[in-house]
Amino acid sequence: MAATRKVTKPQLQSTLNQLNSYIESAPDDIEKSEPWKKINGNETIKINDCPQKLILTLADQLYVPIANLPGKLTSKLKHCAVFSNPEFYKRQALRLSTIGVSRYICSAHIENLWKRT
């Protein structure tokens, strides 16, 4: 975690622009997509009932109000805050026990109808 760099505002804007593509695709595209392309997580899905605007708060962390967000969008946002745990793969490569070492680290936390990352 100490080697993890903070996200800059341009990087955050780029990520938010990518998330916007989840809202704009048609549901027919899901059925036509090849299964092997779903592995990399670049598939787009149609999410209904999304608010027109979403106000994010950038303080010590990024806060997202999730009270009026659909569950699929909340799930996709949480998925964006997950990354691989290098300690797990290091222990696995050395054939050490990985019990108690999670494969992935989720930096998203949901508190009082806010998702913080």
C-alpha atoms as a PDB file:
ATOM      1  CA  MET A   1       0.000   0.000   0.000  1.00  0.00           C
ATOM      2  CA  ALA A   2       2.897   2.364   0.651  1.00  0.00           C
ATOM      3  CA  ALA A   3       3.967   2.111  -2.981  1.00  0.00           C
ATOM      4  CA  THR A   4       0.474   2.976  -4.230  1.00  0.00           C
ATOM      5  CA  ARG A   5       0.300   6.399  -5.811  1.00  0.00           C
ATOM      6  CA  LYS A   6      -2.619   8.784  -5.366  1.00  0.00           C
ATOM      7  CA  VAL A   7      -5.004   9.251  -8.254  1.00  0.00           C
ATOM      8  CA  THR A   8      -4.689  12.615  -9.955  1.00  0.00           C
ATOM      9  CA  LYS A   9      -7.707  14.618 -11.087  1.00  0.00           C
ATOM     10  CA  PRO A  10      -7.093  13.865 -14.813  1.00  0.00           C
ATOM     11  CA  GLN A  11      -6.862  10.135 -14.034  1.00  0.00           C
ATOM     12  CA  LEU A  12     -10.087  10.346 -12.051  1.00  0.00           C
ATOM     13  CA  GLN A  13     -11.816  12.167 -14.912  1.00  0.00           C
ATOM     14  CA  SER A  14     -10.635   9.502 -17.357  1.00  0.00           C
ATOM     15  CA  THR A  15     -12.020   6.731 -15.145  1.00  0.00           C
ATOM     16  CA  LEU A  16     -15.339   8.521 -14.787  1.00  0.00           C
ATOM     17  CA  ASN A  17     -15.550   8.887 -18.563  1.00  0.00           C
ATOM     18  CA  GLN A  18     -15.022   5.138 -18.893  1.00  0.00           C
ATOM     19  CA  LEU A  19     -17.819   4.512 -16.386  1.00  0.00           C
ATOM     20  CA  ASN A  20     -20.113   6.663 -18.504  1.00  0.00           C
ATOM     21  CA  SER A  21     -19.856   4.050 -21.268  1.00  0.00           C
ATOM     22  CA  TYR A  22     -21.582   1.518 -18.970  1.00  0.00           C
ATOM     23  CA  ILE A  23     -24.706   3.638 -19.007  1.00  0.00           C
ATOM     24  CA  GLU A  24     -24.857   4.270 -22.756  1.00  0.00           C
ATOM     25  CA  SER A  25     -24.775   0.736 -24.219  1.00  0.00           C
ATOM     26  CA  ALA A  26     -27.799  -1.265 -25.323  1.00  0.00           C
ATOM     27  CA  PRO A  27     -28.895  -4.498 -23.584  1.00  0.00           C
ATOM     28  CA  ASP A  28     -28.772  -6.413 -26.903  1.00  0.00           C
ATOM     29  CA  ASP A  29     -24.999  -5.948 -26.918  1.00  0.00           C
ATOM     30  CA  ILE A  30     -24.666  -8.206 -23.868  1.00  0.00           C
ATOM     31  CA  GLU A  31     -26.196 -11.226 -25.590  1.00  0.00           C
ATOM     32  CA  LYS A  32     -24.064 -10.746 -28.734  1.00  0.00           C
ATOM     33  CA  SER A  33     -20.733 -10.375 -26.933  1.00  0.00           C
ATOM     34  CA  GLU A  34     -18.270 -13.248 -26.943  1.00  0.00           C
ATOM     35  CA  PRO A  35     -17.619 -14.857 -23.527  1.00  0.00           C
ATOM     36  CA  TRP A  36     -13.824 -14.619 -23.834  1.00  0.00           C
ATOM     37  CA  LYS A  37     -14.058 -10.841 -24.138  1.00  0.00           C
ATOM     38  CA  LYS A  38     -15.811 -10.622 -20.754  1.00  0.00           C
ATOM     39  CA  ILE A  39     -12.670 -11.784 -18.955  1.00  0.00           C
ATOM     40  CA  ASN A  40     -10.895  -8.431 -19.234  1.00  0.00           C
ATOM     41  CA  GLY A  41     -13.876  -6.513 -17.807  1.00  0.00           C
ATOM     42  CA  ASN A  42     -14.334  -4.222 -20.821  1.00  0.00           C
ATOM     43  CA  GLU A  43     -17.889  -5.346 -21.508  1.00  0.00           C
ATOM     44  CA  THR A  44     -20.503  -2.639 -21.440  1.00  0.00           C
ATOM     45  CA  ILE A  45     -23.986  -3.054 -20.055  1.00  0.00           C
ATOM     46  CA  LYS A  46     -27.120  -0.957 -20.005  1.00  0.00           C
ATOM     47  CA  ILE A  47     -28.008   0.347 -16.553  1.00  0.00           C
ATOM     48  CA  ASN A  48     -31.513   1.741 -16.264  1.00  0.00           C
ATOM     49  CA  ASP A  49     -32.779   4.450 -13.886  1.00  0.00           C
ATOM     50  CA  CYS A  50     -29.444   6.254 -13.554  1.00  0.00           C
ATOM     51  CA  PRO A  51     -29.588   9.852 -12.362  1.00  0.00           C
ATOM     52  CA  GLN A  52     -28.781  12.551 -14.919  1.00  0.00           C
ATOM     53  CA  LYS A  53     -26.174  14.107 -12.602  1.00  0.00           C
ATOM     54  CA  LEU A  54     -24.035  12.731  -9.833  1.00  0.00           C
ATOM     55  CA  ILE A  55     -22.141  15.001  -7.465  1.00  0.00           C
ATOM     56  CA  LEU A  56     -18.895  13.491  -6.176  1.00  0.00           C
ATOM     57  CA  THR A  57     -17.031  14.812  -3.167  1.00  0.00           C
ATOM     58  CA  LEU A  58     -13.256  14.719  -3.321  1.00  0.00           C
ATOM     59  CA  ALA A  59     -11.898  15.145   0.211  1.00  0.00           C
ATOM     60  CA  ASP A  60      -9.523  12.756   1.968  1.00  0.00           C
ATOM     61  CA  GLN A  61     -11.099  10.119  -0.308  1.00  0.00           C
ATOM     62  CA  LEU A  62     -13.604  10.098  -3.144  1.00  0.00           C
ATOM     63  CA  TYR A  63     -17.158  10.016  -1.784  1.00  0.00           C
ATOM     64  CA  VAL A  64     -20.068   8.899  -3.973  1.00  0.00           C
ATOM     65  CA  PRO A  65     -23.675   9.235  -2.764  1.00  0.00           C
ATOM     66  CA  ILE A  66     -25.305   5.873  -3.498  1.00  0.00           C
ATOM     67  CA  ALA A  67     -28.790   6.454  -2.087  1.00  0.00           C
ATOM     68  CA  ASN A  68     -30.354   7.041  -5.530  1.00  0.00           C
ATOM     69  CA  LEU A  69     -28.037   4.843  -7.612  1.00  0.00           C
ATOM     70  CA  PRO A  70     -29.142   1.512  -9.095  1.00  0.00           C
ATOM     71  CA  GLY A  71     -27.493  -1.574  -7.619  1.00  0.00           C
ATOM     72  CA  LYS A  72     -25.684  -2.454 -10.859  1.00  0.00           C
ATOM     73  CA  LEU A  73     -24.008   0.947 -10.993  1.00  0.00           C
ATOM     74  CA  THR A  74     -23.020   0.737  -7.324  1.00  0.00           C
ATOM     75  CA  SER A  75     -21.551  -2.691  -7.998  1.00  0.00           C
ATOM     76  CA  LYS A  76     -19.575  -1.437 -11.022  1.00  0.00           C
ATOM     77  CA  LEU A  77     -18.234   1.510  -9.015  1.00  0.00           C
ATOM     78  CA  LYS A  78     -17.145  -0.837  -6.244  1.00  0.00           C
ATOM     79  CA  HIS A  79     -15.499  -3.122  -8.795  1.00  0.00           C
ATOM     80  CA  CYS A  80     -13.383  -0.172  -9.974  1.00  0.00           C
ATOM     81  CA  ALA A  81     -11.885   0.075  -6.485  1.00  0.00           C
ATOM     82  CA  VAL A  82     -10.619  -3.537  -6.428  1.00  0.00           C
ATOM     83  CA  PHE A  83      -7.049  -4.480  -7.263  1.00  0.00           C
ATOM     84  CA  SER A  84      -4.864  -7.570  -6.985  1.00  0.00           C
ATOM     85  CA  ASN A  85      -2.934  -8.172  -3.777  1.00  0.00           C
ATOM     86  CA  PRO A  86       0.751  -8.532  -4.704  1.00  0.00           C
ATOM     87  CA  GLU A  87       1.492 -10.202  -1.369  1.00  0.00           C
ATOM     88  CA  PHE A  88      -0.874 -13.065  -2.235  1.00  0.00           C
ATOM     89  CA  TYR A  89       0.834 -13.751  -5.562  1.00  0.00           C
ATOM     90  CA  LYS A  90       4.287 -13.444  -4.015  1.00  0.00           C
ATOM     91  CA  ARG A  91       3.418 -16.043  -1.365  1.00  0.00           C
ATOM     92  CA  GLN A  92       1.783 -18.248  -3.993  1.00  0.00           C
ATOM     93  CA  ALA A  93       4.866 -18.123  -6.240  1.00  0.00           C
ATOM     94  CA  LEU A  94       7.069 -19.096  -3.291  1.00  0.00           C
ATOM     95  CA  ARG A  95       4.653 -21.969  -2.514  1.00  0.00           C
ATOM     96  CA  LEU A  96       3.921 -20.523   0.911  1.00  0.00           C
ATOM     97  CA  SER A  97       0.534 -20.716   2.571  1.00  0.00           C
ATOM     98  CA  THR A  98      -1.928 -18.104   1.354  1.00  0.00           C
ATOM     99  CA  ILE A  99      -4.449 -18.728   4.115  1.00  0.00           C
ATOM    100  CA  GLY A 100      -5.536 -15.407   5.547  1.00  0.00           C
ATOM    101  CA  VAL A 101      -4.066 -13.426   2.625  1.00  0.00           C
ATOM    102  CA  SER A 102      -6.784 -12.172   0.318  1.00  0.00           C
ATOM    103  CA  ARG A 103      -6.288 -12.452  -3.442  1.00  0.00           C
ATOM    104  CA  TYR A 104      -7.852  -9.034  -4.034  1.00  0.00           C
ATOM    105  CA  ILE A 105      -7.949  -5.810  -2.047  1.00  0.00           C
ATOM    106  CA  CYS A 106     -11.085  -3.687  -2.118  1.00  0.00           C
ATOM    107  CA  SER A 107     -10.547  -0.056  -1.222  1.00  0.00           C
ATOM    108  CA  ALA A 108     -14.265   0.799  -1.405  1.00  0.00           C
ATOM    109  CA  HIS A 109     -16.290   1.133   1.781  1.00  0.00           C
ATOM    110  CA  ILE A 110     -19.997   1.844   2.058  1.00  0.00           C
ATOM    111  CA  GLU A 111     -20.973   4.027   5.007  1.00  0.00           C
ATOM    112  CA  ASN A 112     -24.283   5.816   5.598  1.00  0.00           C
ATOM    113  CA  LEU A 113     -25.387   5.655   1.942  1.00  0.00           C
ATOM    114  CA  TRP A 114     -21.961   6.900   0.734  1.00  0.00           C
ATOM    115  CA  LYS A 115     -19.368   4.821  -1.066  1.00  0.00           C
ATOM    116  CA  ARG A 116     -15.862   5.975  -0.342  1.00  0.00           C
ATOM    117  CA  THR A 117     -12.737   4.871  -2.163  1.00  0.00           C
END
